[in-house]
C-alpha atoms as a PDB file:
ATOM      1  CA  UNK A   1      22.629  26.375 -13.834  1.00  0.00           C
ATOM      2  CA  UNK A   2      20.004  24.732 -11.627  1.00  0.00           C
ATOM      3  CA  UNK A   3      18.468  27.940 -10.276  1.00  0.00           C
ATOM      4  CA  UNK A   4      17.814  28.296  -6.577  1.00  0.00           C
ATOM      5  CA  UNK A   5      19.551  25.338  -4.918  1.00  0.00           C
ATOM      6  CA  UNK A   6      18.094  26.049  -1.468  1.00  0.00           C
ATOM      7  CA  UNK A   7      14.622  26.240  -3.021  1.00  0.00           C
ATOM      8  CA  UNK A   8      15.125  22.816  -4.566  1.00  0.00           C
ATOM      9  CA  UNK A   9      16.321  21.421  -1.242  1.00  0.00           C
ATOM     10  CA  UNK A  10      13.202  22.798   0.456  1.00  0.00           C
ATOM     11  CA  UNK A  11      11.048  21.147  -2.189  1.00  0.00           C
ATOM     12  CA  UNK A  12      12.849  17.830  -1.660  1.00  0.00           C
ATOM     13  CA  UNK A  13      12.233  18.083   2.097  1.00  0.00           C
ATOM     14  CA  UNK A  14       8.560  18.806   1.413  1.00  0.00           C
ATOM     15  CA  UNK A  15       8.401  15.796  -0.891  1.00  0.00           C
ATOM     16  CA  UNK A  16       9.929  13.594   1.791  1.00  0.00           C
ATOM     17  CA  UNK A  17       7.440  14.900   4.339  1.00  0.00           C
ATOM     18  CA  UNK A  18       4.548  14.271   1.933  1.00  0.00           C
ATOM     19  CA  UNK A  19       5.746  10.683   1.410  1.00  0.00           C
ATOM     20  CA  UNK A  20       5.902  10.131   5.182  1.00  0.00           C
ATOM     21  CA  UNK A  21       2.417  11.592   5.621  1.00  0.00           C
ATOM     22  CA  UNK A  22       1.130   9.300   2.872  1.00  0.00           C
ATOM     23  CA  UNK A  23       2.691   6.260   4.579  1.00  0.00           C
ATOM     24  CA  UNK A  24       0.901   7.173   7.800  1.00  0.00           C
ATOM     25  CA  UNK A  25      -2.413   7.701   5.994  1.00  0.00           C
ATOM     26  CA  UNK A  26      -2.110   4.343   4.231  1.00  0.00           C
ATOM     27  CA  UNK A  27      -2.114   2.652   7.643  1.00  0.00           C
ATOM     28  CA  UNK A  28      -5.774   3.639   7.909  1.00  0.00           C
ATOM     29  CA  UNK A  29      -6.735   2.471   4.403  1.00  0.00           C
ATOM     30  CA  UNK A  30      -8.202  -1.000   4.888  1.00  0.00           C
ATOM     31  CA  UNK A  31      -8.621  -3.622   2.176  1.00  0.00           C
ATOM     32  CA  UNK A  32     -11.063  -6.470   2.802  1.00  0.00           C
ATOM     33  CA  UNK A  33     -10.815  -9.680   0.825  1.00  0.00           C
ATOM     34  CA  UNK A  34     -12.979 -12.791   1.071  1.00  0.00           C
ATOM     35  CA  UNK A  35     -12.382 -16.341  -0.003  1.00  0.00           C
ATOM     36  CA  UNK A  36     -14.041 -19.730   0.321  1.00  0.00           C
ATOM     37  CA  UNK A  37     -17.543 -18.418  -0.380  1.00  0.00           C
ATOM     38  CA  UNK A  38     -17.229 -15.843   2.376  1.00  0.00           C
ATOM     39  CA  UNK A  39     -16.032 -18.367   4.949  1.00  0.00           C
ATOM     40  CA  UNK A  40     -12.637 -16.673   5.146  1.00  0.00           C
ATOM     41  CA  UNK A  41     -12.154 -12.905   5.394  1.00  0.00           C
ATOM     42  CA  UNK A  42      -8.928 -10.964   5.720  1.00  0.00           C
ATOM     43  CA  UNK A  43      -8.298  -7.269   6.267  1.00  0.00           C
ATOM     44  CA  UNK A  44      -4.980  -5.638   5.427  1.00  0.00           C
ATOM     45  CA  UNK A  45      -3.789  -2.040   5.343  1.00  0.00           C
ATOM     46  CA  UNK A  46      -2.553  -0.343   2.194  1.00  0.00           C
ATOM     47  CA  UNK A  47       0.881  -0.633   3.829  1.00  0.00           C
ATOM     48  CA  UNK A  48       0.472  -4.419   3.527  1.00  0.00           C
ATOM     49  CA  UNK A  49      -0.026  -5.196   7.210  1.00  0.00           C
ATOM     50  CA  UNK A  50      -2.544  -7.846   8.196  1.00  0.00           C
ATOM     51  CA  UNK A  51      -5.150  -6.408  10.544  1.00  0.00           C
ATOM     52  CA  UNK A  52      -7.715  -9.214  10.831  1.00  0.00           C
ATOM     53  CA  UNK A  53      -8.451 -12.774   9.765  1.00  0.00           C
ATOM     54  CA  UNK A  54     -11.910 -14.261  10.262  1.00  0.00           C
ATOM     55  CA  UNK A  55     -12.323 -17.990   9.684  1.00  0.00           C
ATOM     56  CA  UNK A  56     -15.640 -19.830   9.599  1.00  0.00           C
ATOM     57  CA  UNK A  57     -15.636 -22.919  11.836  1.00  0.00           C
ATOM     58  CA  UNK A  58     -16.353 -25.178   8.851  1.00  0.00           C
ATOM     59  CA  UNK A  59     -12.872 -24.459   7.471  1.00  0.00           C
ATOM     60  CA  UNK A  60     -11.203 -25.554  10.700  1.00  0.00           C
ATOM     61  CA  UNK A  61     -11.904 -29.211   9.930  1.00  0.00           C
ATOM     62  CA  UNK A  62      -9.393 -29.424   7.072  1.00  0.00           C
ATOM     63  CA  UNK A  63      -5.997 -27.859   7.691  1.00  0.00           C
ATOM     64  CA  UNK A  64      -4.870 -28.224   4.091  1.00  0.00           C
ATOM     65  CA  UNK A  65      -7.986 -26.544   2.706  1.00  0.00           C
ATOM     66  CA  UNK A  66      -7.683 -23.731   5.246  1.00  0.00           C
ATOM     67  CA  UNK A  67      -4.035 -23.165   4.367  1.00  0.00           C
ATOM     68  CA  UNK A  68      -4.884 -23.029   0.658  1.00  0.00           C
ATOM     69  CA  UNK A  69      -7.661 -20.493   1.228  1.00  0.00           C
ATOM     70  CA  UNK A  70      -5.454 -18.400   3.499  1.00  0.00           C
ATOM     71  CA  UNK A  71      -2.665 -18.259   0.938  1.00  0.00           C
ATOM     72  CA  UNK A  72      -4.995 -17.366  -1.932  1.00  0.00           C
ATOM     73  CA  UNK A  73      -6.985 -14.782  -0.016  1.00  0.00           C
ATOM     74  CA  UNK A  74      -3.986 -13.129   1.636  1.00  0.00           C
ATOM     75  CA  UNK A  75      -2.151 -12.929  -1.682  1.00  0.00           C
ATOM     76  CA  UNK A  76      -5.165 -11.249  -3.330  1.00  0.00           C
ATOM     77  CA  UNK A  77      -5.479  -8.753  -0.480  1.00  0.00           C
ATOM     78  CA  UNK A  78      -1.754  -7.998  -0.409  1.00  0.00           C
ATOM     79  CA  UNK A  79      -1.685  -7.521  -4.182  1.00  0.00           C
ATOM     80  CA  UNK A  80      -4.516  -4.972  -3.994  1.00  0.00           C
ATOM     81  CA  UNK A  81      -2.802  -3.254  -1.055  1.00  0.00           C
ATOM     82  CA  UNK A  82       0.451  -3.078  -2.997  1.00  0.00           C
ATOM     83  CA  UNK A  83      -1.249  -1.519  -6.010  1.00  0.00           C
ATOM     84  CA  UNK A  84      -2.903   1.153  -3.864  1.00  0.00           C
ATOM     85  CA  UNK A  85       0.349   1.775  -1.994  1.00  0.00           C
ATOM     86  CA  UNK A  86       2.380   2.212  -5.187  1.00  0.00           C
ATOM     87  CA  UNK A  87      -0.165   4.598  -6.717  1.00  0.00           C
ATOM     88  CA  UNK A  88      -0.415   6.763  -3.622  1.00  0.00           C
ATOM     89  CA  UNK A  89       3.336   6.868  -3.028  1.00  0.00           C
ATOM     90  CA  UNK A  90       3.999   7.812  -6.672  1.00  0.00           C
ATOM     91  CA  UNK A  91       1.511  10.673  -6.398  1.00  0.00           C
ATOM     92  CA  UNK A  92       3.077  11.857  -3.133  1.00  0.00           C
ATOM     93  CA  UNK A  93       6.606  11.704  -4.522  1.00  0.00           C
ATOM     94  CA  UNK A  94       5.710  13.423  -7.781  1.00  0.00           C
ATOM     95  CA  UNK A  95       3.749  16.248  -6.182  1.00  0.00           C
ATOM     96  CA  UNK A  96       6.660  17.394  -4.065  1.00  0.00           C
ATOM     97  CA  UNK A  97       9.514  17.027  -6.498  1.00  0.00           C
ATOM     98  CA  UNK A  98      11.257  20.190  -7.682  1.00  0.00           C
ATOM     99  CA  UNK A  99      11.345  20.866 -11.397  1.00  0.00           C
ATOM    100  CA  UNK A 100      14.871  19.811 -12.329  1.00  0.00           C
ATOM    101  CA  UNK A 101      15.607  19.796 -16.065  1.00  0.00           C
ATOM    102  CA  UNK A 102      16.115  16.256 -17.354  1.00  0.00           C
ATOM    103  CA  UNK A 103      14.598  14.675 -14.238  1.00  0.00           C
ATOM    104  CA  UNK A 104      11.118  13.915 -15.597  1.00  0.00           C
ATOM    105  CA  UNK A 105      11.172  10.280 -14.446  1.00  0.00           C
ATOM    106  CA  UNK A 106       7.814  10.566 -12.658  1.00  0.00           C
ATOM    107  CA  UNK A 107       5.780  11.419 -15.768  1.00  0.00           C
END
């Protein structure tokens, strides 16, 4: 009915391994985002981990302004990271999936 069951299981294991490898690779994909006319810079990984925050001294005078810029800039960076992450993980999952009739959800 489904063909070679052990072959499908091997393909599923390969798909899982490919997803894990992609997760590891995404730790090295860095996304830089700037805000406040370049006075605030953040770097995040494609796995949505913050790696660096650089703040110009002029922003340290106003806590409220700094908080606003941090929120806006981090959200932009995390959104871009999430988009990259989702695309790469979908590709990894799709490439290793066995061809099971009726299971074309990744198209």
